[in-house]
Amino acid sequence: EQIEESVERFQRLADVQGEALALNALGNLARSSGDFDRGRALLDRSLALRQEVGDRRGTGITLGCLAVLAARSGDPAGGRAAAAQSRTRFAEDDDMIGLSAAELSLANVALAEEDRVGARAHLEAAAAVLGRIESTPQEGWVLAVLAAVCAEEGEATTARSWLDRARRHFELLDGDAGAAYCLELERTPGFATTSAIAE
């Protein structure tokens, strides 16, 4: 409700970027609640506004959001296309954080198709991109999700390695939520066999 009020406030102020940001947030909330049609309409409005004002980063972000929405609503081809556009936009601008986000969108599309190999490849690409820049909170989360995917694939040693990197990353950045996630992840069945390997 507050975000919807923000959209109206931004419209009254003629703040197109603020309106686009609020629409993007509302679109993601609609997607999360399963209202894919409303989510797509809101994200499409956000995308149009961002393109109108030449907001390249915002355009890439919204394309990534549309990719996840398309994949989760049963349109993986649309998801791949939107994520590829997002990746191209960020690559053109040499935007490493955006490029990693686009790889995460592509991983989401692969997971929606139950393509763990593809998801893993995109997660590894996101981790590699983030590894080239100063540490960011996103990097720890990418590493932790990559550990989970490897554990589900039965690759205990590789999963443990990614999880240890994620844990070290969160310790450096004082990421309590990430560290808690790592502990929880370690309790899942895929990691039950990794304790014996680590010891």
C-alpha atoms as a PDB file:
ATOM      1  CA  GLU A   1       0.000   0.000   0.000  1.00  0.00           C
ATOM      2  CA  GLN A   2       2.832   2.395   0.836  1.00  0.00           C
ATOM      3  CA  ILE A   3       4.558   1.608  -2.447  1.00  0.00           C
ATOM      4  CA  GLU A   4       1.344   2.296  -4.368  1.00  0.00           C
ATOM      5  CA  GLU A   5       1.124   5.661  -2.587  1.00  0.00           C
ATOM      6  CA  SER A   6       4.732   6.284  -3.604  1.00  0.00           C
ATOM      7  CA  VAL A   7       3.832   5.739  -7.263  1.00  0.00           C
ATOM      8  CA  GLU A   8       1.112   8.381  -6.988  1.00  0.00           C
ATOM      9  CA  ARG A   9       3.443  10.756  -5.135  1.00  0.00           C
ATOM     10  CA  PHE A  10       6.161  10.353  -7.780  1.00  0.00           C
ATOM     11  CA  GLN A  11       3.582  10.956 -10.521  1.00  0.00           C
ATOM     12  CA  ARG A  12       2.436  14.211  -8.840  1.00  0.00           C
ATOM     13  CA  LEU A  13       6.077  15.314  -8.581  1.00  0.00           C
ATOM     14  CA  ALA A  14       6.777  14.273 -12.194  1.00  0.00           C
ATOM     15  CA  ASP A  15       9.643  12.127 -10.844  1.00  0.00           C
ATOM     16  CA  VAL A  16       9.806   9.522 -13.606  1.00  0.00           C
ATOM     17  CA  GLN A  17      12.743   7.607 -12.132  1.00  0.00           C
ATOM     18  CA  GLY A  18      11.086   7.401  -8.714  1.00  0.00           C
ATOM     19  CA  GLU A  19       7.845   6.245 -10.312  1.00  0.00           C
ATOM     20  CA  ALA A  20       9.706   3.584 -12.325  1.00  0.00           C
ATOM     21  CA  LEU A  21      11.491   2.348  -9.195  1.00  0.00           C
ATOM     22  CA  ALA A  22       8.214   2.072  -7.255  1.00  0.00           C
ATOM     23  CA  LEU A  23       6.506   0.302 -10.174  1.00  0.00           C
ATOM     24  CA  ASN A  24       9.414  -2.129 -10.335  1.00  0.00           C
ATOM     25  CA  ALA A  25       9.024  -2.898  -6.610  1.00  0.00           C
ATOM     26  CA  LEU A  26       5.256  -3.384  -6.990  1.00  0.00           C
ATOM     27  CA  GLY A  27       5.818  -5.669  -9.980  1.00  0.00           C
ATOM     28  CA  ASN A  28       8.215  -7.829  -7.988  1.00  0.00           C
ATOM     29  CA  LEU A  29       5.757  -8.020  -5.083  1.00  0.00           C
ATOM     30  CA  ALA A  30       2.965  -9.069  -7.447  1.00  0.00           C
ATOM     31  CA  ARG A  31       5.234 -11.719  -8.969  1.00  0.00           C
ATOM     32  CA  SER A  32       6.167 -13.025  -5.519  1.00  0.00           C
ATOM     33  CA  SER A  33       2.502 -13.385  -4.604  1.00  0.00           C
ATOM     34  CA  GLY A  34       1.784 -15.276  -7.842  1.00  0.00           C
ATOM     35  CA  ASP A  35      -0.118 -12.462  -9.597  1.00  0.00           C
ATOM     36  CA  PHE A  36       1.937 -12.738 -12.787  1.00  0.00           C
ATOM     37  CA  ASP A  37      -0.365 -10.662 -15.011  1.00  0.00           C
ATOM     38  CA  ARG A  38      -0.317  -7.699 -12.631  1.00  0.00           C
ATOM     39  CA  GLY A  39       3.415  -8.131 -12.090  1.00  0.00           C
ATOM     40  CA  ARG A  40       4.090  -8.091 -15.824  1.00  0.00           C
ATOM     41  CA  ALA A  41       1.905  -4.996 -16.345  1.00  0.00           C
ATOM     42  CA  LEU A  42       3.705  -3.093 -13.567  1.00  0.00           C
ATOM     43  CA  LEU A  43       7.165  -4.168 -14.728  1.00  0.00           C
ATOM     44  CA  ASP A  44       6.300  -3.273 -18.330  1.00  0.00           C
ATOM     45  CA  ARG A  45       5.279   0.220 -17.166  1.00  0.00           C
ATOM     46  CA  SER A  46       8.522   0.528 -15.194  1.00  0.00           C
ATOM     47  CA  LEU A  47      10.559  -0.602 -18.199  1.00  0.00           C
ATOM     48  CA  ALA A  48       8.851   1.895 -20.510  1.00  0.00           C
ATOM     49  CA  LEU A  49       9.532   4.771 -18.101  1.00  0.00           C
ATOM     50  CA  ARG A  50      13.157   3.763 -17.604  1.00  0.00           C
ATOM     51  CA  GLN A  51      13.715   3.535 -21.342  1.00  0.00           C
ATOM     52  CA  GLU A  52      11.964   6.868 -21.845  1.00  0.00           C
ATOM     53  CA  VAL A  53      14.438   8.690 -19.572  1.00  0.00           C
ATOM     54  CA  GLY A  54      17.467   6.725 -20.789  1.00  0.00           C
ATOM     55  CA  ASP A  55      18.055   4.928 -17.473  1.00  0.00           C
ATOM     56  CA  ARG A  56      20.265   2.108 -18.769  1.00  0.00           C
ATOM     57  CA  ARG A  57      20.932   0.506 -15.381  1.00  0.00           C
ATOM     58  CA  GLY A  58      17.252   0.651 -14.418  1.00  0.00           C
ATOM     59  CA  THR A  59      16.313  -0.814 -17.793  1.00  0.00           C
ATOM     60  CA  GLY A  60      18.692  -3.720 -17.221  1.00  0.00           C
ATOM     61  CA  ILE A  61      17.326  -4.304 -13.721  1.00  0.00           C
ATOM     62  CA  THR A  62      13.716  -4.343 -14.883  1.00  0.00           C
ATOM     63  CA  LEU A  63      14.558  -6.664 -17.778  1.00  0.00           C
ATOM     64  CA  GLY A  64      16.061  -9.055 -15.205  1.00  0.00           C
ATOM     65  CA  CYS A  65      12.879  -8.850 -13.122  1.00  0.00           C
ATOM     66  CA  LEU A  66      10.791  -9.554 -16.222  1.00  0.00           C
ATOM     67  CA  ALA A  67      13.019 -12.563 -16.941  1.00  0.00           C
ATOM     68  CA  VAL A  68      12.334 -14.091 -13.537  1.00  0.00           C
ATOM     69  CA  LEU A  69       8.611 -13.349 -13.840  1.00  0.00           C
ATOM     70  CA  ALA A  70       8.450 -14.958 -17.296  1.00  0.00           C
ATOM     71  CA  ALA A  71      10.298 -18.069 -16.132  1.00  0.00           C
ATOM     72  CA  ARG A  72       8.132 -18.502 -13.040  1.00  0.00           C
ATOM     73  CA  SER A  73       4.929 -17.975 -14.998  1.00  0.00           C
ATOM     74  CA  GLY A  74       5.767 -20.750 -17.477  1.00  0.00           C
ATOM     75  CA  ASP A  75       7.451 -18.753 -20.249  1.00  0.00           C
ATOM     76  CA  PRO A  76      11.113 -19.790 -20.055  1.00  0.00           C
ATOM     77  CA  ALA A  77      11.822 -18.608 -23.615  1.00  0.00           C
ATOM     78  CA  GLY A  78      10.576 -15.135 -22.688  1.00  0.00           C
ATOM     79  CA  GLY A  79      12.633 -15.305 -19.511  1.00  0.00           C
ATOM     80  CA  ARG A  80      15.806 -16.205 -21.400  1.00  0.00           C
ATOM     81  CA  ALA A  81      15.202 -13.405 -23.914  1.00  0.00           C
ATOM     82  CA  ALA A  82      14.659 -10.743 -21.239  1.00  0.00           C
ATOM     83  CA  ALA A  83      17.669 -11.942 -19.202  1.00  0.00           C
ATOM     84  CA  ALA A  84      19.860 -11.951 -22.319  1.00  0.00           C
ATOM     85  CA  GLN A  85      18.800  -8.356 -23.048  1.00  0.00           C
ATOM     86  CA  SER A  86      19.612  -7.444 -19.455  1.00  0.00           C
ATOM     87  CA  ARG A  87      23.033  -9.101 -19.690  1.00  0.00           C
ATOM     88  CA  THR A  88      23.794  -7.321 -22.987  1.00  0.00           C
ATOM     89  CA  ARG A  89      22.809  -3.948 -21.491  1.00  0.00           C
ATOM     90  CA  PHE A  90      25.064  -4.401 -18.462  1.00  0.00           C
ATOM     91  CA  ALA A  91      27.958  -5.779 -20.516  1.00  0.00           C
ATOM     92  CA  GLU A  92      27.807  -2.764 -22.857  1.00  0.00           C
ATOM     93  CA  ASP A  93      28.126  -0.470 -19.831  1.00  0.00           C
ATOM     94  CA  ASP A  94      30.768  -2.634 -18.121  1.00  0.00           C
ATOM     95  CA  ASP A  95      28.455  -2.762 -15.086  1.00  0.00           C
ATOM     96  CA  MET A  96      29.769  -5.747 -13.115  1.00  0.00           C
ATOM     97  CA  ILE A  97      27.081  -5.762 -10.418  1.00  0.00           C
ATOM     98  CA  GLY A  98      24.388  -5.545 -13.097  1.00  0.00           C
ATOM     99  CA  LEU A  99      26.076  -8.270 -15.130  1.00  0.00           C
ATOM    100  CA  SER A 100      26.086 -10.570 -12.107  1.00  0.00           C
ATOM    101  CA  ALA A 101      22.387  -9.792 -11.545  1.00  0.00           C
ATOM    102  CA  ALA A 102      21.661 -10.730 -15.165  1.00  0.00           C
ATOM    103  CA  GLU A 103      23.487 -14.041 -14.633  1.00  0.00           C
ATOM    104  CA  LEU A 104      21.315 -14.613 -11.553  1.00  0.00           C
ATOM    105  CA  SER A 105      18.220 -13.966 -13.681  1.00  0.00           C
ATOM    106  CA  LEU A 106      19.461 -16.552 -16.174  1.00  0.00           C
ATOM    107  CA  ALA A 107      20.063 -18.976 -13.275  1.00  0.00           C
ATOM    108  CA  ASN A 108      16.467 -18.396 -12.140  1.00  0.00           C
ATOM    109  CA  VAL A 109      15.236 -19.205 -15.645  1.00  0.00           C
ATOM    110  CA  ALA A 110      17.317 -22.400 -15.689  1.00  0.00           C
ATOM    111  CA  LEU A 111      15.986 -23.424 -12.257  1.00  0.00           C
ATOM    112  CA  ALA A 112      12.408 -22.823 -13.417  1.00  0.00           C
ATOM    113  CA  GLU A 113      13.141 -25.307 -16.206  1.00  0.00           C
ATOM    114  CA  GLU A 114      14.760 -27.679 -13.667  1.00  0.00           C
ATOM    115  CA  ASP A 115      18.052 -27.284 -15.525  1.00  0.00           C
ATOM    116  CA  ARG A 116      20.497 -27.508 -12.623  1.00  0.00           C
ATOM    117  CA  VAL A 117      23.526 -27.656 -14.922  1.00  0.00           C
ATOM    118  CA  GLY A 118      22.519 -24.405 -16.625  1.00  0.00           C
ATOM    119  CA  ALA A 119      21.687 -22.779 -13.285  1.00  0.00           C
ATOM    120  CA  ARG A 120      25.056 -23.772 -11.934  1.00  0.00           C
ATOM    121  CA  ALA A 121      26.859 -22.354 -14.984  1.00  0.00           C
ATOM    122  CA  HIS A 122      25.090 -19.005 -14.555  1.00  0.00           C
ATOM    123  CA  LEU A 123      25.749 -18.951 -10.802  1.00  0.00           C
ATOM    124  CA  GLU A 124      29.434 -19.645 -11.457  1.00  0.00           C
ATOM    125  CA  ALA A 125      29.462 -16.832 -14.030  1.00  0.00           C
ATOM    126  CA  ALA A 126      27.863 -14.466 -11.485  1.00  0.00           C
ATOM    127  CA  ALA A 127      30.433 -15.474  -8.856  1.00  0.00           C
ATOM    128  CA  ALA A 128      33.279 -14.937 -11.333  1.00  0.00           C
ATOM    129  CA  VAL A 129      32.010 -11.471 -12.252  1.00  0.00           C
ATOM    130  CA  LEU A 130      31.581 -10.485  -8.601  1.00  0.00           C
ATOM    131  CA  GLY A 131      35.024 -11.885  -7.815  1.00  0.00           C
ATOM    132  CA  ARG A 132      36.550  -9.272 -10.143  1.00  0.00           C
ATOM    133  CA  ILE A 133      35.296  -6.343  -8.085  1.00  0.00           C
ATOM    134  CA  GLU A 134      35.486  -5.324  -4.451  1.00  0.00           C
ATOM    135  CA  SER A 135      33.526  -7.646  -2.182  1.00  0.00           C
ATOM    136  CA  THR A 136      29.797  -7.107  -2.182  1.00  0.00           C
ATOM    137  CA  PRO A 137      27.008  -8.726  -0.154  1.00  0.00           C
ATOM    138  CA  GLN A 138      25.672 -10.254  -3.377  1.00  0.00           C
ATOM    139  CA  GLU A 139      28.814 -12.318  -3.811  1.00  0.00           C
ATOM    140  CA  GLY A 140      28.269 -14.253  -0.577  1.00  0.00           C
ATOM    141  CA  TRP A 141      24.676 -15.034  -1.514  1.00  0.00           C
ATOM    142  CA  VAL A 142      25.699 -16.217  -4.981  1.00  0.00           C
ATOM    143  CA  LEU A 143      28.320 -18.501  -3.449  1.00  0.00           C
ATOM    144  CA  ALA A 144      25.812 -19.903  -0.928  1.00  0.00           C
ATOM    145  CA  VAL A 145      23.201 -20.615  -3.608  1.00  0.00           C
ATOM    146  CA  LEU A 146      25.881 -22.225  -5.754  1.00  0.00           C
ATOM    147  CA  ALA A 147      26.748 -24.451  -2.775  1.00  0.00           C
ATOM    148  CA  ALA A 148      23.083 -25.453  -2.455  1.00  0.00           C
ATOM    149  CA  VAL A 149      22.833 -26.345  -6.157  1.00  0.00           C
ATOM    150  CA  CYS A 150      25.997 -28.471  -5.946  1.00  0.00           C
ATOM    151  CA  ALA A 151      24.690 -30.216  -2.811  1.00  0.00           C
ATOM    152  CA  GLU A 152      21.435 -31.040  -4.583  1.00  0.00           C
ATOM    153  CA  GLU A 153      23.480 -32.494  -7.445  1.00  0.00           C
ATOM    154  CA  GLY A 154      25.276 -34.752  -4.961  1.00  0.00           C
ATOM    155  CA  GLU A 155      28.628 -32.976  -5.352  1.00  0.00           C
ATOM    156  CA  ALA A 156      29.446 -32.850  -1.654  1.00  0.00           C
ATOM    157  CA  THR A 157      33.080 -31.757  -1.909  1.00  0.00           C
ATOM    158  CA  THR A 158      32.332 -28.958  -4.368  1.00  0.00           C
ATOM    159  CA  ALA A 159      29.320 -27.871  -2.319  1.00  0.00           C
ATOM    160  CA  ARG A 160      31.453 -27.696   0.822  1.00  0.00           C
ATOM    161  CA  SER A 161      34.072 -25.615  -0.986  1.00  0.00           C
ATOM    162  CA  TRP A 162      31.491 -23.059  -2.193  1.00  0.00           C
ATOM    163  CA  LEU A 163      29.844 -22.971   1.237  1.00  0.00           C
ATOM    164  CA  ASP A 164      33.175 -22.340   2.964  1.00  0.00           C
ATOM    165  CA  ARG A 165      33.886 -19.457   0.569  1.00  0.00           C
ATOM    166  CA  ALA A 166      30.411 -18.020   1.225  1.00  0.00           C
ATOM    167  CA  ARG A 167      30.897 -18.297   4.991  1.00  0.00           C
ATOM    168  CA  ARG A 168      34.290 -16.542   4.838  1.00  0.00           C
ATOM    169  CA  HIS A 169      32.759 -13.835   2.676  1.00  0.00           C
ATOM    170  CA  PHE A 170      29.930 -13.206   5.145  1.00  0.00           C
ATOM    171  CA  GLU A 171      32.399 -13.154   8.056  1.00  0.00           C
ATOM    172  CA  LEU A 172      34.440 -10.441   6.306  1.00  0.00           C
ATOM    173  CA  LEU A 173      31.372  -8.305   5.644  1.00  0.00           C
ATOM    174  CA  ASP A 174      29.700  -9.017   8.990  1.00  0.00           C
ATOM    175  CA  GLY A 175      26.786 -10.580   7.131  1.00  0.00           C
ATOM    176  CA  ASP A 176      24.735 -12.114   9.946  1.00  0.00           C
ATOM    177  CA  ALA A 177      21.824 -13.114   7.716  1.00  0.00           C
ATOM    178  CA  GLY A 178      24.171 -14.764   5.239  1.00  0.00           C
ATOM    179  CA  ALA A 179      26.073 -16.591   7.968  1.00  0.00           C
ATOM    180  CA  ALA A 180      22.767 -17.850   9.394  1.00  0.00           C
ATOM    181  CA  TYR A 181      21.754 -19.033   5.931  1.00  0.00           C
ATOM    182  CA  CYS A 182      25.060 -20.938   5.606  1.00  0.00           C
ATOM    183  CA  LEU A 183      24.425 -22.672   8.946  1.00  0.00           C
ATOM    184  CA  GLU A 184      20.902 -23.597   7.890  1.00  0.00           C
ATOM    185  CA  LEU A 185      22.109 -24.821   4.519  1.00  0.00           C
ATOM    186  CA  GLU A 186      24.704 -27.000   6.199  1.00  0.00           C
ATOM    187  CA  ARG A 187      21.887 -28.864   7.971  1.00  0.00           C
ATOM    188  CA  THR A 188      20.215 -29.921   4.713  1.00  0.00           C
ATOM    189  CA  PRO A 189      20.524 -33.518   3.488  1.00  0.00           C
ATOM    190  CA  GLY A 190      22.911 -32.628   0.659  1.00  0.00           C
ATOM    191  CA  PHE A 191      25.465 -31.440   3.214  1.00  0.00           C
ATOM    192  CA  ALA A 192      25.076 -34.373   5.598  1.00  0.00           C
ATOM    193  CA  THR A 193      27.767 -36.258   3.700  1.00  0.00           C
ATOM    194  CA  THR A 194      30.088 -33.262   3.470  1.00  0.00           C
ATOM    195  CA  SER A 195      30.842 -33.217   7.211  1.00  0.00           C
ATOM    196  CA  ALA A 196      32.554 -36.583   6.977  1.00  0.00           C
ATOM    197  CA  ILE A 197      34.539 -35.390   3.945  1.00  0.00           C
ATOM    198  CA  ALA A 198      35.646 -32.178   5.670  1.00  0.00           C
ATOM    199  CA  GLU A 199      36.843 -33.996   8.804  1.00  0.00           C
END
